[in-house]
Each structure stands twice: as C-alpha cells, then as structure tokens.
Amino acid sequence: MSITILPQSEFIPGESVGMFDLDETTYRRAPGMSQSKLKLCLTDPHHAIQSDRCPMVATPAMECGTLAHCLILTPQLFGDGKSHVLRPKFYTNAKGEVKAWNGNAGECKAWNEANADMLVLTPKDHRTVEMMADSFKFHPFGKVLLENGHKEVSCFWIDKESGMLMKARFDLIAEVEGGI
C-alpha cells in the first residue's frame, strides 16, 4: 500500500481534500476543525472559541519538546537563529571584561530585548533538546520510522456525518513492510 502526498502548490485552503506537504503556518491558517479543537469543544465550547484569541503560554518543558520535535522531523528548520537562539554563557561588559551571563546586567538585558521574538535556550536546555532527539533518532524503531516515513503530513477531509471540513497534521506516516 502506498500513500500519495500532494505538494503545497496543489493545496487550495477550504477546498482541497487529501494529504499535503504543507508548511506549519499554511496548515495552521487553513480552515478546518482539528482534533485539538474538537477536544476543547467537548469540554467547554466557550473555551474552544477563546483559545484562538488567547493562545496557551508554553512552559520551558513544552518549548524543549517542540524543539526536539523540530530537530527530529524537520532538522532543516532547526538551528540558532531559525527555531531558537542560544543564550550565551558569557557576555562582555562596557569595561571589556568577560563575565558569566547575568540577566540583570545591561548587556544581557539588551541581548534579551534584541531576541525577544525568538525562543531563547540556555546551553543546558539546548543539550537536553539534542539528547531527546538523539534518543529517538538512534532508537532502532525510531530510525526505521524516520527512514521510511513522510514527515509533517497535513490531511484534510469532509466529515460524512456533519459535512464539516476536518484537518489533522501527522508527525510521521511511515510506510513499512506490511502496511502504513
């Protein structure tokens, strides 16, 4: 069995159904009811509506998980200046002295302000992300999935009961011996 994944150039938001190779921004902006939105609707429809206006604030652990996900599945998007910035261990003050990073120092505050639109990782968190990704990539089963899989596949379909446009984004769809 083989699956067909169409290129982004063939995707028409709100009209196309099927599996597509879309960037995350295009998928997120595309109309359609996702599984996570359905879950919110089941527990509290008002909260589901508000979730678009007030997105959840990510914890440091969630940010590390998101970056490990990126490094595993879309390594071309991972890197200092792309998916995050790496906070320096040291800074040079106005006197030219090299000092350990101190969030209260003027130079450190200026660096933080200049990088406010990026996810800032400490060297320790960066290493944690790399170790998480390596654990998956070097696991025998994880390696097989990555070598035989389609990563970040966006799927759109019409629900037969409701007629509603649905959407999902699969981290990985692997074609292995015996099926998908």
C-alpha atoms as a PDB file:
ATOM      1  CA  MET A   1       0.000   0.000   0.000  1.00  0.00           C
ATOM      2  CA  SER A   2       1.303   3.430  -0.888  1.00  0.00           C
ATOM      3  CA  ILE A   3       0.059   6.868   0.037  1.00  0.00           C
ATOM      4  CA  THR A   4       0.023   9.953  -2.144  1.00  0.00           C
ATOM      5  CA  ILE A   5       1.103  13.235  -0.626  1.00  0.00           C
ATOM      6  CA  LEU A   6       0.411  16.248  -2.810  1.00  0.00           C
ATOM      7  CA  PRO A   7       2.679  19.313  -2.943  1.00  0.00           C
ATOM      8  CA  GLN A   8       1.725  22.602  -1.326  1.00  0.00           C
ATOM      9  CA  SER A   9       1.252  24.122  -4.811  1.00  0.00           C
ATOM     10  CA  GLU A  10      -1.857  21.931  -5.278  1.00  0.00           C
ATOM     11  CA  PHE A  11      -3.453  22.956  -1.964  1.00  0.00           C
ATOM     12  CA  ILE A  12      -6.438  25.333  -2.032  1.00  0.00           C
ATOM     13  CA  PRO A  13      -7.418  26.341   1.545  1.00  0.00           C
ATOM     14  CA  GLY A  14     -11.017  25.450   2.350  1.00  0.00           C
ATOM     15  CA  GLU A  15     -11.442  23.395  -0.837  1.00  0.00           C
ATOM     16  CA  SER A  16      -8.740  20.738  -1.085  1.00  0.00           C
ATOM     17  CA  VAL A  17      -9.083  17.316   0.497  1.00  0.00           C
ATOM     18  CA  GLY A  18      -6.306  14.763   0.737  1.00  0.00           C
ATOM     19  CA  MET A  19      -2.801  14.625   2.137  1.00  0.00           C
ATOM     20  CA  PHE A  20      -0.465  17.528   1.522  1.00  0.00           C
ATOM     21  CA  ASP A  21       3.126  18.545   2.173  1.00  0.00           C
ATOM     22  CA  LEU A  22       2.385  21.908   3.810  1.00  0.00           C
ATOM     23  CA  ASP A  23       4.496  24.138   5.993  1.00  0.00           C
ATOM     24  CA  GLU A  24       3.141  24.519   9.513  1.00  0.00           C
ATOM     25  CA  THR A  25       1.961  28.108   9.038  1.00  0.00           C
ATOM     26  CA  THR A  26      -0.152  27.184   5.999  1.00  0.00           C
ATOM     27  CA  TYR A  27      -1.669  24.229   7.881  1.00  0.00           C
ATOM     28  CA  ARG A  28      -2.477  26.310  10.983  1.00  0.00           C
ATOM     29  CA  ARG A  29      -4.108  29.087   8.940  1.00  0.00           C
ATOM     30  CA  ALA A  30      -6.139  26.696   6.775  1.00  0.00           C
ATOM     31  CA  PRO A  31      -9.808  26.316   7.656  1.00  0.00           C
ATOM     32  CA  GLY A  32     -10.967  23.061   9.182  1.00  0.00           C
ATOM     33  CA  MET A  33     -11.751  21.540  12.557  1.00  0.00           C
ATOM     34  CA  SER A  34      -8.745  19.899  14.197  1.00  0.00           C
ATOM     35  CA  GLN A  35      -8.702  17.155  16.808  1.00  0.00           C
ATOM     36  CA  SER A  36      -7.398  19.505  19.478  1.00  0.00           C
ATOM     37  CA  LYS A  37     -10.197  21.991  18.775  1.00  0.00           C
ATOM     38  CA  LEU A  38     -12.771  19.172  18.909  1.00  0.00           C
ATOM     39  CA  LYS A  39     -11.460  18.132  22.335  1.00  0.00           C
ATOM     40  CA  LEU A  40     -11.891  21.688  23.590  1.00  0.00           C
ATOM     41  CA  CYS A  41     -15.425  21.836  22.169  1.00  0.00           C
ATOM     42  CA  LEU A  42     -16.355  18.658  24.038  1.00  0.00           C
ATOM     43  CA  THR A  43     -15.174  20.001  27.384  1.00  0.00           C
ATOM     44  CA  ASP A  44     -16.101  23.675  27.018  1.00  0.00           C
ATOM     45  CA  PRO A  45     -17.238  25.248  23.713  1.00  0.00           C
ATOM     46  CA  HIS A  46     -16.625  28.759  25.076  1.00  0.00           C
ATOM     47  CA  HIS A  47     -13.030  27.830  25.887  1.00  0.00           C
ATOM     48  CA  ALA A  48     -12.598  26.472  22.347  1.00  0.00           C
ATOM     49  CA  ILE A  49     -13.624  29.847  20.894  1.00  0.00           C
ATOM     50  CA  GLN A  50     -11.390  31.743  23.335  1.00  0.00           C
ATOM     51  CA  SER A  51      -8.383  29.531  22.566  1.00  0.00           C
ATOM     52  CA  ASP A  52      -7.932  31.292  19.221  1.00  0.00           C
ATOM     53  CA  ARG A  53      -7.905  34.692  20.903  1.00  0.00           C
ATOM     54  CA  CYS A  54      -5.783  33.721  23.911  1.00  0.00           C
ATOM     55  CA  PRO A  55      -3.292  31.020  22.955  1.00  0.00           C
ATOM     56  CA  MET A  56      -1.763  28.859  25.652  1.00  0.00           C
ATOM     57  CA  VAL A  57       1.567  30.027  27.058  1.00  0.00           C
ATOM     58  CA  ALA A  58       4.218  27.360  26.591  1.00  0.00           C
ATOM     59  CA  THR A  59       6.244  26.182  29.575  1.00  0.00           C
ATOM     60  CA  PRO A  60      10.017  25.678  29.246  1.00  0.00           C
ATOM     61  CA  ALA A  61       9.434  21.900  29.093  1.00  0.00           C
ATOM     62  CA  MET A  62       6.908  22.364  26.262  1.00  0.00           C
ATOM     63  CA  GLU A  63       9.391  24.570  24.388  1.00  0.00           C
ATOM     64  CA  CYS A  64      12.108  21.907  24.691  1.00  0.00           C
ATOM     65  CA  GLY A  65       9.659  19.270  23.445  1.00  0.00           C
ATOM     66  CA  THR A  66       8.687  21.448  20.483  1.00  0.00           C
ATOM     67  CA  LEU A  67      12.336  21.972  19.569  1.00  0.00           C
ATOM     68  CA  ALA A  68      13.120  18.243  19.891  1.00  0.00           C
ATOM     69  CA  HIS A  69      10.145  17.580  17.590  1.00  0.00           C
ATOM     70  CA  CYS A  70      11.605  20.101  15.116  1.00  0.00           C
ATOM     71  CA  LEU A  71      15.092  18.613  15.285  1.00  0.00           C
ATOM     72  CA  ILE A  72      13.769  15.073  14.714  1.00  0.00           C
ATOM     73  CA  LEU A  73      11.233  15.744  11.967  1.00  0.00           C
ATOM     74  CA  THR A  74      12.322  18.975  10.284  1.00  0.00           C
ATOM     75  CA  PRO A  75      16.037  19.375  11.012  1.00  0.00           C
ATOM     76  CA  GLN A  76      16.368  21.916   8.192  1.00  0.00           C
ATOM     77  CA  LEU A  77      14.233  24.304  10.288  1.00  0.00           C
ATOM     78  CA  PHE A  78      16.230  23.746  13.481  1.00  0.00           C
ATOM     79  CA  GLY A  79      19.123  25.942  14.457  1.00  0.00           C
ATOM     80  CA  ASP A  80      20.399  29.020  16.192  1.00  0.00           C
ATOM     81  CA  GLY A  81      18.596  31.942  14.564  1.00  0.00           C
ATOM     82  CA  LYS A  82      15.966  29.720  12.895  1.00  0.00           C
ATOM     83  CA  SER A  83      13.937  27.879  15.515  1.00  0.00           C
ATOM     84  CA  HIS A  84      15.580  29.484  18.536  1.00  0.00           C
ATOM     85  CA  VAL A  85      18.560  31.487  19.719  1.00  0.00           C
ATOM     86  CA  LEU A  86      21.194  30.123  22.035  1.00  0.00           C
ATOM     87  CA  ARG A  87      21.770  32.331  25.049  1.00  0.00           C
ATOM     88  CA  PRO A  88      25.481  32.960  25.531  1.00  0.00           C
ATOM     89  CA  LYS A  89      27.258  31.589  28.606  1.00  0.00           C
ATOM     90  CA  PHE A  90      29.261  34.797  28.897  1.00  0.00           C
ATOM     91  CA  TYR A  91      28.976  38.473  27.994  1.00  0.00           C
ATOM     92  CA  THR A  92      31.452  41.325  27.691  1.00  0.00           C
ATOM     93  CA  ASN A  93      30.659  44.378  29.793  1.00  0.00           C
ATOM     94  CA  ALA A  94      31.373  48.033  28.942  1.00  0.00           C
ATOM     95  CA  LYS A  95      34.844  47.740  30.514  1.00  0.00           C
ATOM     96  CA  GLY A  96      35.726  44.867  28.173  1.00  0.00           C
ATOM     97  CA  GLU A  97      35.550  42.280  30.959  1.00  0.00           C
ATOM     98  CA  VAL A  98      34.202  38.838  30.111  1.00  0.00           C
ATOM     99  CA  LYS A  99      31.703  37.741  32.738  1.00  0.00           C
ATOM    100  CA  ALA A 100      29.283  34.883  33.330  1.00  0.00           C
ATOM    101  CA  TRP A 101      25.818  35.584  31.948  1.00  0.00           C
ATOM    102  CA  ASN A 102      23.744  37.689  34.311  1.00  0.00           C
ATOM    103  CA  GLY A 103      20.184  38.557  33.352  1.00  0.00           C
ATOM    104  CA  ASN A 104      20.409  41.779  35.397  1.00  0.00           C
ATOM    105  CA  ALA A 105      23.428  43.158  33.521  1.00  0.00           C
ATOM    106  CA  GLY A 106      22.656  45.880  30.994  1.00  0.00           C
ATOM    107  CA  GLU A 107      24.369  43.991  28.158  1.00  0.00           C
ATOM    108  CA  CYS A 108      22.347  40.852  28.938  1.00  0.00           C
ATOM    109  CA  LYS A 109      19.103  42.819  29.126  1.00  0.00           C
ATOM    110  CA  ALA A 110      19.879  44.391  25.738  1.00  0.00           C
ATOM    111  CA  TRP A 111      20.591  40.958  24.238  1.00  0.00           C
ATOM    112  CA  ASN A 112      17.288  39.631  25.645  1.00  0.00           C
ATOM    113  CA  GLU A 113      15.389  42.591  24.175  1.00  0.00           C
ATOM    114  CA  ALA A 114      17.046  42.106  20.775  1.00  0.00           C
ATOM    115  CA  ASN A 115      15.956  38.451  20.801  1.00  0.00           C
ATOM    116  CA  ALA A 116      12.506  38.908  22.352  1.00  0.00           C
ATOM    117  CA  ASP A 117      10.750  37.486  19.274  1.00  0.00           C
ATOM    118  CA  MET A 118      12.740  34.230  19.403  1.00  0.00           C
ATOM    119  CA  LEU A 119      12.693  31.259  21.714  1.00  0.00           C
ATOM    120  CA  VAL A 120      15.784  31.623  23.909  1.00  0.00           C
ATOM    121  CA  LEU A 121      17.524  28.451  25.029  1.00  0.00           C
ATOM    122  CA  THR A 122      20.179  28.114  27.665  1.00  0.00           C
ATOM    123  CA  PRO A 123      23.154  25.932  26.705  1.00  0.00           C
ATOM    124  CA  LYS A 124      21.850  23.296  29.150  1.00  0.00           C
ATOM    125  CA  ASP A 125      18.374  23.252  27.550  1.00  0.00           C
ATOM    126  CA  HIS A 126      19.950  23.109  24.091  1.00  0.00           C
ATOM    127  CA  ARG A 127      21.876  19.993  25.099  1.00  0.00           C
ATOM    128  CA  THR A 128      18.678  18.481  26.531  1.00  0.00           C
ATOM    129  CA  VAL A 129      16.910  19.033  23.198  1.00  0.00           C
ATOM    130  CA  GLU A 130      19.778  17.384  21.317  1.00  0.00           C
ATOM    131  CA  MET A 131      19.767  14.392  23.678  1.00  0.00           C
ATOM    132  CA  MET A 132      15.981  13.982  23.333  1.00  0.00           C
ATOM    133  CA  ALA A 133      16.259  13.996  19.544  1.00  0.00           C
ATOM    134  CA  ASP A 134      19.210  11.604  19.567  1.00  0.00           C
ATOM    135  CA  SER A 135      17.263   9.178  21.766  1.00  0.00           C
ATOM    136  CA  PHE A 136      14.608   8.930  19.079  1.00  0.00           C
ATOM    137  CA  LYS A 137      16.869   9.034  16.016  1.00  0.00           C
ATOM    138  CA  PHE A 138      19.187   6.306  17.288  1.00  0.00           C
ATOM    139  CA  HIS A 139      16.488   4.004  18.659  1.00  0.00           C
ATOM    140  CA  PRO A 140      16.137   1.062  16.225  1.00  0.00           C
ATOM    141  CA  PHE A 141      12.380   1.586  15.777  1.00  0.00           C
ATOM    142  CA  GLY A 142      12.673   5.381  15.584  1.00  0.00           C
ATOM    143  CA  LYS A 143      15.368   5.079  12.943  1.00  0.00           C
ATOM    144  CA  VAL A 144      13.159   2.797  10.793  1.00  0.00           C
ATOM    145  CA  LEU A 145      10.254   5.245  11.074  1.00  0.00           C
ATOM    146  CA  LEU A 146      12.397   8.217  10.070  1.00  0.00           C
ATOM    147  CA  GLU A 147      13.966   6.377   7.140  1.00  0.00           C
ATOM    148  CA  ASN A 148      10.622   5.144   5.790  1.00  0.00           C
ATOM    149  CA  GLY A 149       8.305   7.937   6.741  1.00  0.00           C
ATOM    150  CA  HIS A 150       6.653  11.052   5.434  1.00  0.00           C
ATOM    151  CA  LYS A 151       7.113  13.827   7.975  1.00  0.00           C
ATOM    152  CA  GLU A 152       4.639  16.532   8.974  1.00  0.00           C
ATOM    153  CA  VAL A 153       1.827  15.436   6.664  1.00  0.00           C
ATOM    154  CA  SER A 154      -1.266  17.646   6.600  1.00  0.00           C
ATOM    155  CA  CYS A 155      -4.578  15.916   5.917  1.00  0.00           C
ATOM    156  CA  PHE A 156      -7.953  17.465   5.054  1.00  0.00           C
ATOM    157  CA  TRP A 157     -11.303  15.685   4.608  1.00  0.00           C
ATOM    158  CA  ILE A 158     -15.039  16.253   4.830  1.00  0.00           C
ATOM    159  CA  ASP A 159     -16.762  14.539   7.760  1.00  0.00           C
ATOM    160  CA  LYS A 160     -19.614  12.444   6.327  1.00  0.00           C
ATOM    161  CA  GLU A 161     -21.991  12.989   9.268  1.00  0.00           C
ATOM    162  CA  SER A 162     -21.603  16.730   9.764  1.00  0.00           C
ATOM    163  CA  GLY A 163     -20.339  17.852   6.357  1.00  0.00           C
ATOM    164  CA  MET A 164     -17.674  19.785   8.246  1.00  0.00           C
ATOM    165  CA  LEU A 165     -14.155  20.265   6.877  1.00  0.00           C
ATOM    166  CA  MET A 166     -11.728  18.461   9.173  1.00  0.00           C
ATOM    167  CA  LYS A 167      -7.955  18.629   9.366  1.00  0.00           C
ATOM    168  CA  ALA A 168      -5.075  16.809  11.005  1.00  0.00           C
ATOM    169  CA  ARG A 169      -1.299  17.062  10.951  1.00  0.00           C
ATOM    170  CA  PHE A 170       0.525  13.782  11.364  1.00  0.00           C
ATOM    171  CA  ASP A 171       4.040  13.947  12.762  1.00  0.00           C
ATOM    172  CA  LEU A 172       5.046  10.920  10.742  1.00  0.00           C
ATOM    173  CA  ILE A 173       3.373   8.433   8.421  1.00  0.00           C
ATOM    174  CA  ALA A 174       5.691   5.502   7.844  1.00  0.00           C
ATOM    175  CA  GLU A 175       5.402   3.026   5.034  1.00  0.00           C
ATOM    176  CA  VAL A 176       6.905  -0.176   6.354  1.00  0.00           C
ATOM    177  CA  GLU A 177       6.646  -3.828   5.387  1.00  0.00           C
ATOM    178  CA  GLY A 178       3.066  -4.926   5.907  1.00  0.00           C
ATOM    179  CA  GLY A 179       1.397  -1.518   5.694  1.00  0.00           C
ATOM    180  CA  ILE A 180       1.328   2.080   6.824  1.00  0.00           C
END
